[in-house]
């Protein structure tokens, strides 16, 4: 594996391998939001910095930071895997900003939103007159990202007919726009992301195996928010500080709100938490966000977050137990079946073995809890 040389004039990585302290949100007072203290340019910078930050102090997120530091200087593609809203784009941005390409473009494209008929033009560009409606020359994504990084989200949605072309560009660094065009040499690092099981898709023939292996030369598996302990509260405090900057008003989380954030499973991960906090800021009075504010528009007043957390944990245990029985105790196969992180599956498996409980036992307990 070959490292990219650090370009002249770029700064060395600031972490220096030292242990990272928990990310602390900035402290704001009402004076902080006066017109003289918080102009729009400063507000924009702070919001941008928050978007690029990886927040959390858990063991899982510390491992992610280690991988980012390790992979950032490399030239190989990176595949970032994780649930929707877990922060895959933030990881991709950190890989770009901490590497030698930081002063060059970081181009983001959601592959799932590309028009299939125009996907070739979108990726590789086209010459004027290349097809009906091509009235002007178009620069494709790889040329836009030249010398920088191209982040392709939802890479599993890439049309199968374009996958060979993408592999060729990654391998050879040459793009040929549609129509009468000369090949163009590009220098781009590809950072792909997916919430799907690409390895299984590749074995089924739904995704090219050779492209999967090339994209996953380096891989980062991002854990869901529910598996990150108190990171959820730390992230919430960081995000609400950003909302405070946007709205020009200080906010704080009540202890009740923090308990609710810890207890809720956040199936939409960081994105769901961010949207909940933005809504809560609208409902909050005197700047304090309560649990009622967090769930005001989505949950009944008798919503009981601890009960949801208990049911979620029990369901996870049941799914692991059932998958292990189906896969004859093979942890890797069980984790793939239920799309769970292997480490988490192994941890739950060990607990189940110590307790001596079966999937049937857990299923009965889950029915009783849900009063089915």
Protein backbone atom coordinates (compact mmCIF):
# COMPACT_ATOMS: atom_id res chain seq x y z
CA UNK A 1 0.00 0.00 0.00
CA UNK A 2 1.58 3.24 -1.12
CA UNK A 3 1.24 6.51 0.75
CA UNK A 4 0.71 9.74 -1.14
CA UNK A 5 3.55 12.23 -0.66
CA UNK A 6 2.68 15.27 1.43
CA UNK A 7 2.57 18.27 -0.91
CA UNK A 8 4.71 21.26 -0.15
CA UNK A 9 3.00 23.90 1.94
CA UNK A 10 0.44 21.56 3.51
CA UNK A 11 0.30 21.14 7.27
CA UNK A 12 1.06 17.88 9.02
CA UNK A 13 -1.80 16.06 10.78
CA UNK A 14 -2.54 17.89 14.02
CA UNK A 15 -3.47 14.90 16.20
CA UNK A 16 0.07 13.53 16.33
CA UNK A 17 -1.23 10.21 17.62
CA UNK A 18 -2.16 11.62 21.04
CA UNK A 19 -5.34 10.62 22.86
CA UNK A 20 -8.23 12.84 21.90
CA UNK A 21 -10.22 14.66 24.55
CA UNK A 22 -14.03 14.63 24.30
CA UNK A 23 -15.37 17.22 21.88
CA UNK A 24 -16.89 20.00 23.92
CA UNK A 25 -19.57 22.22 22.42
CA UNK A 26 -18.85 25.95 22.56
CA UNK A 27 -20.45 27.79 25.48
CA UNK A 28 -22.73 30.63 24.46
CA UNK A 29 -24.37 33.42 26.43
CA UNK A 30 -26.92 35.88 25.16
CA UNK A 31 -24.13 38.44 24.79
CA UNK A 32 -22.48 36.07 22.33
CA UNK A 33 -25.31 36.62 19.89
CA UNK A 34 -25.18 40.39 19.61
CA UNK A 35 -24.84 41.72 16.08
CA UNK A 36 -21.26 42.85 16.77
CA UNK A 37 -20.17 39.50 18.25
CA UNK A 38 -21.73 37.11 15.75
CA UNK A 39 -21.79 38.27 12.13
CA UNK A 40 -23.07 36.01 9.35
CA UNK A 41 -19.60 35.06 8.08
CA UNK A 42 -18.49 33.80 11.50
CA UNK A 43 -21.79 31.97 11.89
CA UNK A 44 -21.24 30.23 8.56
CA UNK A 45 -17.71 29.16 9.52
CA UNK A 46 -18.87 27.65 12.80
CA UNK A 47 -21.68 25.74 11.11
CA UNK A 48 -19.23 24.39 8.50
CA UNK A 49 -16.76 23.32 11.19
CA UNK A 50 -19.54 21.49 13.05
CA UNK A 51 -20.49 19.62 9.89
CA UNK A 52 -16.94 18.33 9.48
CA UNK A 53 -16.45 17.28 13.11
CA UNK A 54 -16.53 13.68 14.35
CA UNK A 55 -18.07 14.00 17.81
CA UNK A 56 -18.01 11.40 20.58
CA UNK A 57 -15.82 9.81 23.24
CA UNK A 58 -16.88 6.15 22.99
CA UNK A 59 -14.46 3.32 22.28
CA UNK A 60 -16.16 2.75 18.92
CA UNK A 61 -15.73 6.31 17.70
CA UNK A 62 -12.14 6.41 18.99
CA UNK A 63 -11.45 3.46 16.67
CA UNK A 64 -13.03 5.36 13.77
CA UNK A 65 -10.72 8.32 14.44
CA UNK A 66 -7.72 5.98 14.45
CA UNK A 67 -8.74 4.57 11.07
CA UNK A 68 -9.27 8.06 9.62
CA UNK A 69 -5.79 9.08 10.76
CA UNK A 70 -4.34 5.86 9.32
CA UNK A 71 -6.16 6.01 5.98
CA UNK A 72 -6.13 9.79 5.27
CA UNK A 73 -2.60 9.88 3.74
CA UNK A 74 -3.24 6.88 1.47
CA UNK A 75 -4.11 6.92 -2.24
CA UNK A 76 -6.37 3.83 -2.21
CA UNK A 77 -10.18 4.11 -2.26
CA UNK A 78 -12.07 3.88 1.02
CA UNK A 79 -15.47 2.25 1.55
CA UNK A 80 -17.44 3.74 4.45
CA UNK A 81 -20.25 1.44 5.61
CA UNK A 82 -23.04 2.30 8.04
CA UNK A 83 -26.73 2.89 8.52
CA UNK A 84 -28.54 5.87 7.05
CA UNK A 85 -27.77 9.03 9.00
CA UNK A 86 -24.82 7.51 10.91
CA UNK A 87 -22.34 10.12 9.66
CA UNK A 88 -20.71 8.54 6.60
CA UNK A 89 -20.27 11.87 4.81
CA UNK A 90 -18.63 13.40 7.90
CA UNK A 91 -16.12 10.52 7.91
CA UNK A 92 -15.47 11.05 4.19
CA UNK A 93 -14.86 14.78 4.78
CA UNK A 94 -12.40 14.04 7.59
CA UNK A 95 -10.51 11.60 5.34
CA UNK A 96 -10.19 14.39 2.78
CA UNK A 97 -9.37 17.21 5.21
CA UNK A 98 -6.72 15.22 7.09
CA UNK A 99 -4.96 14.03 3.93
CA UNK A 100 -2.61 15.60 1.36
CA UNK A 101 -5.55 16.53 -0.92
CA UNK A 102 -7.11 18.90 1.61
CA UNK A 103 -6.45 22.02 -0.50
CA UNK A 104 -8.19 20.53 -3.53
CA UNK A 105 -11.88 19.83 -4.31
CA UNK A 106 -14.06 17.54 -2.22
CA UNK A 107 -16.94 16.60 -4.53
CA UNK A 108 -20.02 14.83 -3.15
CA UNK A 109 -22.57 12.92 -5.23
CA UNK A 110 -25.47 10.75 -4.09
CA UNK A 111 -25.48 7.95 -6.64
CA UNK A 112 -29.07 7.03 -5.76
CA UNK A 113 -30.29 10.38 -7.05
CA UNK A 114 -28.58 10.24 -10.44
CA UNK A 115 -30.83 9.88 -13.48
CA UNK A 116 -29.88 6.47 -14.88
CA UNK A 117 -30.09 7.73 -18.46
CA UNK A 118 -27.68 10.57 -17.74
CA UNK A 119 -25.41 8.76 -15.27
CA UNK A 120 -22.58 8.30 -17.78
CA UNK A 121 -22.55 12.03 -18.52
CA UNK A 122 -22.74 12.85 -14.81
CA UNK A 123 -19.69 10.74 -13.98
CA UNK A 124 -17.52 11.19 -17.04
CA UNK A 125 -18.81 14.33 -18.78
CA UNK A 126 -19.78 14.79 -22.40
CA UNK A 127 -18.81 16.78 -25.48
CA UNK A 128 -21.16 19.25 -27.07
CA UNK A 129 -23.54 17.38 -29.39
CA UNK A 130 -22.73 13.99 -27.83
CA UNK A 131 -26.47 13.20 -27.67
CA UNK A 132 -29.80 14.93 -28.15
CA UNK A 133 -30.00 17.85 -25.75
CA UNK A 134 -26.22 18.06 -25.17
CA UNK A 135 -26.02 21.72 -26.21
CA UNK A 136 -22.91 22.45 -24.16
CA UNK A 137 -19.82 20.61 -23.05
CA UNK A 138 -20.12 19.12 -19.55
CA UNK A 139 -17.34 18.38 -17.07
CA UNK A 140 -17.95 15.09 -15.22
CA UNK A 141 -17.52 14.35 -11.53
CA UNK A 142 -14.01 12.97 -11.86
CA UNK A 143 -12.73 16.07 -13.65
CA UNK A 144 -14.46 18.28 -11.10
CA UNK A 145 -12.65 16.41 -8.31
CA UNK A 146 -9.24 16.34 -10.03
CA UNK A 147 -6.38 16.41 -7.48
CA UNK A 148 -8.98 16.04 -4.72
CA UNK A 149 -11.53 13.48 -3.46
CA UNK A 150 -14.81 12.21 -4.89
CA UNK A 151 -17.33 11.01 -2.32
CA UNK A 152 -19.91 8.67 -3.87
CA UNK A 153 -22.76 8.05 -1.44
CA UNK A 154 -25.16 5.09 -1.91
CA UNK A 155 -22.62 3.46 -4.24
CA UNK A 156 -24.71 0.29 -4.24
CA UNK A 157 -27.26 2.13 -6.42
CA UNK A 158 -24.76 2.57 -9.26
CA UNK A 159 -26.22 1.07 -12.47
CA UNK A 160 -24.51 -2.21 -13.28
CA UNK A 161 -23.71 -1.02 -16.81
CA UNK A 162 -21.55 1.81 -15.41
CA UNK A 163 -19.67 -0.22 -12.84
CA UNK A 164 -17.03 -1.45 -15.30
CA UNK A 165 -16.40 2.15 -16.43
CA UNK A 166 -16.01 3.33 -12.84
CA UNK A 167 -13.57 0.52 -12.10
CA UNK A 168 -11.53 1.46 -15.17
CA UNK A 169 -11.27 5.12 -14.09
CA UNK A 170 -10.21 4.14 -10.55
CA UNK A 171 -7.62 1.69 -11.89
CA UNK A 172 -6.20 3.76 -14.76
CA UNK A 173 -6.95 7.37 -13.77
CA UNK A 174 -8.28 8.14 -17.26
CA UNK A 175 -11.74 9.50 -18.13
CA UNK A 176 -13.24 9.50 -21.62
CA UNK A 177 -16.22 11.91 -21.86
CA UNK A 178 -19.19 10.85 -23.98
CA UNK A 179 -19.10 11.88 -27.62
CA UNK A 180 -16.09 12.84 -29.73
CA UNK A 181 -13.62 13.49 -26.91
CA UNK A 182 -10.00 12.73 -26.14
CA UNK A 183 -9.23 10.78 -22.96
CA UNK A 184 -8.48 12.97 -19.93
CA UNK A 185 -6.06 11.99 -17.16
CA UNK A 186 -7.39 12.61 -13.64
CA UNK A 187 -5.96 12.20 -10.16
CA UNK A 188 -8.86 11.50 -7.81
CA UNK A 189 -9.24 9.57 -4.58
CA UNK A 190 -12.59 7.78 -4.41
CA UNK A 191 -14.39 7.57 -1.06
CA UNK A 192 -17.54 5.50 -1.48
CA UNK A 193 -20.29 4.97 1.10
CA UNK A 194 -23.15 2.54 1.48
CA UNK A 195 -25.84 1.46 3.92
CA UNK A 196 -26.27 -1.82 2.03
CA UNK A 197 -24.40 -5.12 2.31
CA UNK A 198 -22.28 -4.73 -0.82
CA UNK A 199 -20.38 -7.95 -0.20
CA UNK A 200 -23.59 -9.98 -0.32
CA UNK A 201 -24.75 -8.01 -3.37
CA UNK A 202 -21.46 -8.83 -5.08
CA UNK A 203 -21.84 -12.55 -4.36
CA UNK A 204 -25.40 -12.40 -5.76
CA UNK A 205 -24.22 -10.70 -8.93
CA UNK A 206 -26.06 -7.45 -8.18
CA UNK A 207 -22.75 -5.59 -7.83
CA UNK A 208 -19.47 -6.31 -9.61
CA UNK A 209 -17.07 -8.26 -7.39
CA UNK A 210 -13.99 -6.62 -8.89
CA UNK A 211 -15.39 -3.14 -8.22
CA UNK A 212 -16.37 -4.10 -4.67
CA UNK A 213 -12.86 -5.38 -3.91
CA UNK A 214 -11.29 -2.23 -5.38
CA UNK A 215 -13.59 0.17 -3.52
CA UNK A 216 -13.06 -1.67 -0.24
CA UNK A 217 -9.26 -1.66 -0.39
CA UNK A 218 -9.62 0.31 2.84
CA UNK A 219 -12.84 0.05 4.83
CA UNK A 220 -14.47 1.85 7.74
CA UNK A 221 -17.57 0.38 9.43
CA UNK A 222 -19.41 3.17 11.21
CA UNK A 223 -21.44 2.00 14.26
CA UNK A 224 -25.05 3.14 14.69
CA UNK A 225 -25.74 5.79 17.30
CA UNK A 226 -27.57 3.32 19.56
CA UNK A 227 -24.31 1.37 20.02
CA UNK A 228 -22.26 4.40 21.03
CA UNK A 229 -23.35 4.88 24.64
CA UNK A 230 -23.24 8.47 25.90
CA UNK A 231 -22.04 9.73 22.53
CA UNK A 232 -25.68 10.52 21.78
CA UNK A 233 -25.79 13.17 24.52
CA UNK A 234 -22.37 14.53 23.60
CA UNK A 235 -23.46 14.82 19.96
CA UNK A 236 -26.76 16.43 21.00
CA UNK A 237 -24.93 19.10 23.01
CA UNK A 238 -22.64 19.78 20.07
CA UNK A 239 -25.53 19.97 17.60
CA UNK A 240 -27.68 22.20 19.78
CA UNK A 241 -24.75 24.61 20.03
CA UNK A 242 -24.82 24.77 16.23
CA UNK A 243 -28.58 25.38 16.27
CA UNK A 244 -27.96 28.17 18.76
CA UNK A 245 -25.51 29.79 16.35
CA UNK A 246 -27.99 29.50 13.46
CA UNK A 247 -30.92 30.92 15.42
CA UNK A 248 -28.94 33.55 17.34
CA UNK A 249 -30.24 32.27 20.68
CA UNK A 250 -28.60 30.09 23.38
CA UNK A 251 -30.13 26.67 24.15
CA UNK A 252 -29.48 24.00 26.78
CA UNK A 253 -30.66 20.43 27.31
CA UNK A 254 -32.56 19.58 30.49
CA UNK A 255 -31.52 16.47 32.43
CA UNK A 256 -34.83 14.90 31.39
CA UNK A 257 -33.98 15.54 27.73
CA UNK A 258 -30.54 13.98 28.16
CA UNK A 259 -32.10 10.86 29.71
CA UNK A 260 -34.57 10.65 26.81
CA UNK A 261 -31.74 10.98 24.28
CA UNK A 262 -29.79 8.17 25.98
CA UNK A 263 -32.83 5.92 26.12
CA UNK A 264 -34.15 6.32 22.58
CA UNK A 265 -32.72 4.00 19.88
CA UNK A 266 -32.46 6.71 17.15
CA UNK A 267 -33.09 4.47 14.13
CA UNK A 268 -32.29 7.45 11.90
CA UNK A 269 -29.01 7.96 13.81
CA UNK A 270 -27.31 11.37 13.91
CA UNK A 271 -29.53 12.78 11.15
CA UNK A 272 -32.67 11.96 13.14
CA UNK A 273 -31.15 13.44 16.31
CA UNK A 274 -30.19 16.63 14.46
CA UNK A 275 -33.72 17.07 13.07
CA UNK A 276 -35.28 16.36 16.47
CA UNK A 277 -33.12 19.07 18.05
CA UNK A 278 -33.99 21.57 15.35
CA UNK A 279 -37.70 20.95 15.96
CA UNK A 280 -37.17 21.07 19.71
CA UNK A 281 -35.55 24.50 19.40
CA UNK A 282 -38.80 25.79 17.89
CA UNK A 283 -40.84 24.42 20.82
CA UNK A 284 -38.40 25.31 23.58
CA UNK A 285 -39.24 28.16 25.94
CA UNK A 286 -36.53 30.29 27.54
CA UNK A 287 -33.92 28.27 25.70
CA UNK A 288 -34.26 25.01 27.68
CA UNK A 289 -35.04 21.89 25.66
CA UNK A 290 -37.07 19.28 27.53
CA UNK A 291 -37.93 15.69 26.58
CA UNK A 292 -41.41 16.89 25.64
CA UNK A 293 -39.84 19.35 23.18
CA UNK A 294 -37.75 16.61 21.61
CA UNK A 295 -40.73 14.40 20.84
CA UNK A 296 -43.45 17.06 20.62
CA UNK A 297 -44.42 16.41 16.99
CA UNK A 298 -43.73 12.68 16.77
CA UNK A 299 -44.62 10.92 20.02
CA UNK A 300 -47.64 10.76 22.31
CA UNK A 301 -47.30 12.52 25.67
CA UNK A 302 -47.00 9.21 27.52
CA UNK A 303 -44.05 8.10 25.39
CA UNK A 304 -41.67 6.12 27.59
CA UNK A 305 -38.10 6.16 26.20
CA UNK A 306 -36.71 3.65 28.73
CA UNK A 307 -39.33 1.08 27.64
CA UNK A 308 -38.34 1.62 24.00
CA UNK A 309 -34.66 1.11 24.87
CA UNK A 310 -35.37 -2.09 26.81
CA UNK A 311 -37.48 -3.48 23.95
CA UNK A 312 -34.80 -2.52 21.42
CA UNK A 313 -32.06 -4.26 23.41
CA UNK A 314 -34.19 -7.37 23.86
CA UNK A 315 -35.03 -7.43 20.15
CA UNK A 316 -31.30 -7.20 19.31
CA UNK A 317 -30.57 -10.15 21.61
CA UNK A 318 -33.40 -12.17 20.06
CA UNK A 319 -32.24 -11.45 16.48
CA UNK A 320 -28.67 -12.47 17.30
CA UNK A 321 -29.79 -15.66 19.03
CA UNK A 322 -32.09 -16.60 16.13
CA UNK A 323 -29.39 -15.83 13.54
CA UNK A 324 -26.79 -17.87 15.44
CA UNK A 325 -29.15 -20.85 15.56
CA UNK A 326 -29.84 -20.49 11.84
CA UNK A 327 -26.13 -20.19 10.99
CA UNK A 328 -25.06 -23.00 13.36
CA UNK A 329 -23.18 -20.67 15.69
CA UNK A 330 -21.01 -18.96 13.05
CA UNK A 331 -20.81 -15.36 14.26
CA UNK A 332 -19.71 -13.80 10.97
CA UNK A 333 -22.55 -15.45 9.05
CA UNK A 334 -25.07 -14.47 11.75
CA UNK A 335 -23.87 -10.84 11.71
CA UNK A 336 -24.25 -10.71 7.94
CA UNK A 337 -27.74 -12.22 8.08
CA UNK A 338 -29.08 -9.52 10.39
CA UNK A 339 -26.73 -6.76 9.09
CA UNK A 340 -25.14 -6.20 12.49
CA UNK A 341 -21.59 -5.14 13.30
CA UNK A 342 -19.48 -8.27 13.88
CA UNK A 343 -18.04 -7.01 17.15
CA UNK A 344 -21.52 -6.25 18.51
CA UNK A 345 -22.80 -9.66 17.37
CA UNK A 346 -19.86 -11.38 19.08
CA UNK A 347 -20.44 -9.38 22.28
CA UNK A 348 -24.14 -10.31 22.41
CA UNK A 349 -23.33 -13.94 21.54
CA UNK A 350 -20.93 -14.17 24.48
CA UNK A 351 -23.57 -12.76 26.85
CA UNK A 352 -26.20 -15.19 25.56
CA UNK A 353 -23.83 -18.12 26.08
CA UNK A 354 -23.10 -17.01 29.64
CA UNK A 355 -26.82 -16.65 30.41
CA UNK A 356 -27.78 -19.88 28.66
CA UNK A 357 -30.83 -18.42 26.92
CA UNK A 358 -32.23 -19.44 23.54
CA UNK A 359 -33.99 -17.55 20.77
CA UNK A 360 -37.27 -19.12 21.89
CA UNK A 361 -36.78 -17.83 25.45
CA UNK A 362 -36.03 -14.33 24.20
CA UNK A 363 -38.96 -14.43 21.79
CA UNK A 364 -41.35 -15.27 24.63
CA UNK A 365 -39.87 -12.50 26.77
CA UNK A 366 -40.26 -10.01 23.92
CA UNK A 367 -43.93 -10.97 23.45
CA UNK A 368 -44.57 -10.47 27.15
CA UNK A 369 -42.87 -7.09 27.12
CA UNK A 370 -44.94 -5.94 24.14
CA UNK A 371 -48.06 -7.54 25.58
CA UNK A 372 -48.70 -9.54 22.42
